C-alpha cells in the first residue's frame, strides 16, 4: 500500500488550515527532508484555545507508511548482500510479521526495521560479529 489514490475521497489524515487547504498540500517533499523517526516521536506543539486542551489533546502524527509516496521515499539506496540462510530467515520473518500485523509488509520496511532493531541491541550484534571471527587475536 503506497498511499491514497487521488480522487478516491477525502484524506482522513489531512488537517484543514485557515485557507481551507490541507496541510499535506502546503508541505513540500517531506520524504527527502524528514525521517520516520523524526516524525513519530513526541508531540508537536500547537497553540490551544485553553490550557486544558493543551494538556489533554495530542496532535495526530501521520505514520511514515501513510505519508510517503513509495517505500524508497526519504531513503538512501545501499547494497545489501545476504547469506542464503539469512535470506531464508528474512523471508520467514516477513511472513510472520505480516501475520502478526495482519497487513502487507514491504521488504524494504522490514530491512530498515531490522537495522534499527539491531542498532538498539548492539550487544547482540557484537555477539554475531564475534561468531564470524571479529575480535579474534592471534599471537605471533
Foldseek 3Di string as FASTA:
>chain_A
DQEDDPPPDDDPLFDQDPVRDTPLVVDDQPLQPDDQVRQPDDADDDDDPDPVCRVPDGDDGDGPSHSGRDLCRNHDDDDDDDDPVVVVVLVVVQVVVCVVVVHHDDSSNSVVVVVVVCVVVVVVVVVVVVVVPPPDDDDD
